Amino acid sequence: MPAPISYASAESSFKDDAATNTNVAPGVLDVPLLDRQGQIHRLADFQGKKHVALFFMRGMTKEPGGVCPTCSAQTARLTANHGEFTKRGAEVVVVFPGTQDQAAQFIDKVQAEAKSQSMPFSVLVDVDFKAVERLGIRADAAKPATFILDKEGQVRFAYVGATTSDRPSLAAILKQLDALVPAKQ
């Protein structure tokens, strides 16, 4: 695994021991999400092909600049370590609740944090917080949430943060994905 990247206080709050803390009913995560070009995507598109590591960010916030610093740090870390997900047969999908323009601001901020490295995964928009509402993770924006779906589309890990900085670490997420890989014979 590549050397860990430090993101100051935002990284220190990520949990290595994060365990599932919420239940997700079958089908709840299959919601329409938009890409930057306005095309609709669904998680079912990955079914039978790849595992999915799904990350819901907070959306625009009241902080100066409107972008959650922990969300941008987490997404920059996902960008820098994307190869670890690929090795595990997983697709990373980041969901940004809000508008396409706000998502573009978020992407620009993350790319600045990742030192202009382009994002090798989809950032999809949850227009009008419809998916966030359906999942019950609405707060002042959205509660940060992480879901791991296996190739069959079953939720194998579901974590909703109690605070804006309460999130699983990269190591915790990769451990969950490792549990989905069949043992070598």
Protein backbone atom coordinates (compact mmCIF):
# COMPACT_ATOMS: atom_id res chain seq x y z
CA MET A 1 0.00 0.00 0.00
CA PRO A 2 1.29 3.51 -0.74
CA ALA A 3 2.58 5.59 2.15
CA PRO A 4 -0.24 7.34 4.00
CA ILE A 5 -0.91 10.91 3.02
CA SER A 6 -1.36 13.39 5.86
CA TYR A 7 -4.30 15.79 5.83
CA ALA A 8 -3.74 17.33 9.26
CA SER A 9 -6.68 17.27 11.66
CA ALA A 10 -9.17 16.00 9.08
CA GLU A 11 -7.28 12.71 8.72
CA SER A 12 -6.82 12.19 12.44
CA SER A 13 -10.56 11.76 12.94
CA PHE A 14 -10.92 8.90 10.45
CA LYS A 15 -11.58 5.58 12.22
CA ASP A 16 -9.53 2.45 11.60
CA ASP A 17 -11.96 0.40 13.68
CA ALA A 18 -15.17 1.60 11.99
CA ALA A 19 -17.88 -1.06 11.88
CA THR A 20 -21.31 -1.08 10.30
CA ASN A 21 -23.54 1.21 12.35
CA THR A 22 -26.73 1.39 10.29
CA ASN A 23 -29.04 -0.89 8.33
CA VAL A 24 -29.94 -0.26 4.71
CA ALA A 25 -33.03 -1.87 3.23
CA PRO A 26 -32.54 -3.66 -0.12
CA GLY A 27 -32.88 -1.29 -3.07
CA VAL A 28 -32.68 1.93 -1.05
CA LEU A 29 -29.29 2.82 -2.53
CA ASP A 30 -30.46 2.35 -6.12
CA VAL A 31 -31.29 5.99 -6.71
CA PRO A 32 -30.74 8.07 -9.83
CA LEU A 33 -27.64 10.27 -9.62
CA LEU A 34 -26.33 12.72 -12.22
CA ASP A 35 -22.83 13.11 -13.61
CA ARG A 36 -21.40 16.51 -14.53
CA GLN A 37 -22.87 16.23 -18.03
CA GLY A 38 -26.37 15.58 -16.68
CA GLN A 39 -26.44 11.85 -17.52
CA ILE A 40 -28.29 9.60 -15.06
CA HIS A 41 -26.38 6.78 -13.34
CA ARG A 42 -27.56 4.07 -10.97
CA LEU A 43 -25.60 1.75 -8.69
CA ALA A 44 -27.35 -1.17 -10.37
CA ASP A 45 -25.18 -0.38 -13.41
CA PHE A 46 -22.26 -2.01 -11.55
CA GLN A 47 -24.16 -5.11 -10.49
CA GLY A 48 -22.45 -8.30 -11.61
CA LYS A 49 -19.33 -6.34 -12.60
CA LYS A 50 -17.63 -4.72 -9.61
CA HIS A 51 -17.89 -4.08 -5.91
CA VAL A 52 -18.81 -0.47 -5.15
CA ALA A 53 -17.29 1.78 -2.49
CA LEU A 54 -19.89 4.54 -2.19
CA PHE A 55 -19.15 7.75 -0.33
CA PHE A 56 -21.78 10.41 0.40
CA MET A 57 -20.23 13.80 1.07
CA ARG A 58 -21.95 16.62 2.95
CA GLY A 59 -22.74 19.00 0.09
CA MET A 60 -22.17 22.74 0.37
CA THR A 61 -21.69 23.86 3.94
CA LYS A 62 -21.67 27.01 6.03
CA GLU A 63 -17.87 26.93 6.35
CA PRO A 64 -15.92 29.64 4.51
CA GLY A 65 -15.75 28.58 0.87
CA GLY A 66 -18.73 26.27 1.32
CA VAL A 67 -16.81 23.02 0.87
CA CYS A 68 -16.44 20.67 3.82
CA PRO A 69 -12.68 20.37 4.49
CA THR A 70 -13.06 16.79 5.73
CA CYS A 71 -14.99 15.84 2.56
CA SER A 72 -12.32 17.31 0.31
CA ALA A 73 -9.55 15.64 2.35
CA GLN A 74 -11.31 12.27 2.18
CA THR A 75 -11.90 12.57 -1.56
CA ALA A 76 -8.31 13.64 -2.18
CA ARG A 77 -7.18 10.56 -0.25
CA LEU A 78 -9.48 8.34 -2.34
CA THR A 79 -7.95 9.89 -5.46
CA ALA A 80 -4.38 9.31 -4.28
CA ASN A 81 -5.12 5.69 -3.33
CA HIS A 82 -7.48 4.72 -6.16
CA GLY A 83 -5.21 1.87 -7.23
CA GLU A 84 -5.94 0.07 -3.95
CA PHE A 85 -9.63 -0.06 -4.86
CA THR A 86 -8.88 -1.23 -8.40
CA LYS A 87 -6.75 -4.10 -7.04
CA ARG A 88 -9.78 -5.23 -5.07
CA GLY A 89 -12.17 -5.12 -8.02
CA ALA A 90 -14.02 -2.11 -6.64
CA GLU A 91 -15.39 1.03 -8.22
CA VAL A 92 -15.24 4.23 -6.17
CA VAL A 93 -18.31 6.45 -6.43
CA VAL A 94 -18.48 9.78 -4.61
CA VAL A 95 -21.90 11.40 -4.22
CA PHE A 96 -22.17 15.14 -3.74
CA PRO A 97 -25.62 16.36 -2.61
CA GLY A 98 -26.57 19.67 -4.23
CA THR A 99 -26.33 21.12 -7.71
CA GLN A 100 -23.99 20.39 -10.60
CA ASP A 101 -22.34 23.81 -10.14
CA GLN A 102 -21.68 23.09 -6.46
CA ALA A 103 -20.27 19.68 -7.36
CA ALA A 104 -17.88 21.40 -9.80
CA GLN A 105 -16.66 23.68 -6.97
CA PHE A 106 -16.12 20.61 -4.80
CA ILE A 107 -14.15 18.83 -7.55
CA ASP A 108 -11.95 21.90 -8.06
CA LYS A 109 -11.19 22.04 -4.31
CA VAL A 110 -10.36 18.33 -4.18
CA GLN A 111 -8.09 18.53 -7.20
CA ALA A 112 -6.24 21.41 -5.52
CA GLU A 113 -5.77 19.24 -2.39
CA ALA A 114 -4.68 16.27 -4.50
CA LYS A 115 -2.13 18.53 -6.18
CA SER A 116 -4.09 18.72 -9.46
CA GLN A 117 -4.31 14.96 -9.85
CA SER A 118 -7.51 14.30 -11.77
CA MET A 119 -10.11 12.13 -10.09
CA PRO A 120 -10.07 8.59 -11.49
CA PHE A 121 -13.64 7.88 -10.37
CA SER A 122 -17.13 9.30 -10.72
CA VAL A 123 -18.41 12.21 -8.68
CA LEU A 124 -22.17 12.04 -9.01
CA VAL A 125 -24.68 14.66 -7.93
CA ASP A 126 -27.65 13.99 -5.68
CA VAL A 127 -29.85 16.80 -6.98
CA ASP A 128 -32.14 18.29 -4.34
CA PHE A 129 -30.90 15.80 -1.69
CA LYS A 130 -33.33 13.11 -2.92
CA ALA A 131 -30.98 10.18 -2.20
CA VAL A 132 -29.91 11.72 1.11
CA GLU A 133 -33.56 12.04 2.15
CA ARG A 134 -34.33 8.47 1.07
CA LEU A 135 -31.38 7.18 3.13
CA GLY A 136 -32.33 9.28 6.16
CA ILE A 137 -28.91 10.97 6.32
CA ARG A 138 -30.03 14.58 5.96
CA ALA A 139 -28.59 17.09 8.44
CA ASP A 140 -27.66 20.76 7.86
CA ALA A 141 -26.35 19.34 4.60
CA ALA A 142 -25.86 15.56 4.55
CA LYS A 143 -24.28 13.31 7.13
CA PRO A 144 -21.10 11.73 5.75
CA ALA A 145 -21.82 8.11 4.88
CA THR A 146 -19.89 5.16 3.46
CA PHE A 147 -21.38 2.04 1.92
CA ILE A 148 -19.69 -1.03 0.46
CA LEU A 149 -21.76 -3.05 -1.99
CA ASP A 150 -20.66 -6.42 -3.31
CA LYS A 151 -20.87 -7.39 -6.99
CA GLU A 152 -24.42 -8.65 -6.46
CA GLY A 153 -25.46 -5.22 -5.16
CA GLN A 154 -25.85 -6.30 -1.53
CA VAL A 155 -24.80 -3.79 1.13
CA ARG A 156 -21.93 -5.37 3.10
CA PHE A 157 -20.87 -2.31 5.08
CA ALA A 158 -22.87 0.79 6.02
CA TYR A 159 -21.46 3.62 8.13
CA VAL A 160 -23.13 6.97 8.80
CA GLY A 161 -21.04 9.54 10.64
CA ALA A 162 -22.35 10.95 13.91
CA THR A 163 -20.44 14.19 13.21
CA THR A 164 -19.06 15.87 10.11
CA SER A 165 -15.63 14.32 10.69
CA ASP A 166 -16.79 10.85 11.78
CA ARG A 167 -15.74 8.60 8.87
CA PRO A 168 -14.05 5.24 8.30
CA SER A 169 -10.35 5.41 7.45
CA LEU A 170 -8.96 4.18 4.17
CA ALA A 171 -7.60 1.12 6.00
CA ALA A 172 -11.05 0.29 7.40
CA ILE A 173 -12.65 0.55 3.96
CA LEU A 174 -9.98 -1.58 2.29
CA LYS A 175 -10.38 -4.18 5.04
CA GLN A 176 -14.09 -4.39 4.22
CA LEU A 177 -13.30 -4.85 0.52
CA ASP A 178 -10.69 -7.50 1.33
CA ALA A 179 -13.41 -9.50 3.09
CA LEU A 180 -15.31 -9.65 -0.22
CA VAL A 181 -12.42 -11.16 -2.20
CA PRO A 182 -12.60 -14.95 -2.37
CA ALA A 183 -9.69 -16.77 -0.72
CA LYS A 184 -7.00 -18.05 -3.11
CA GLN A 185 -6.97 -21.81 -3.43
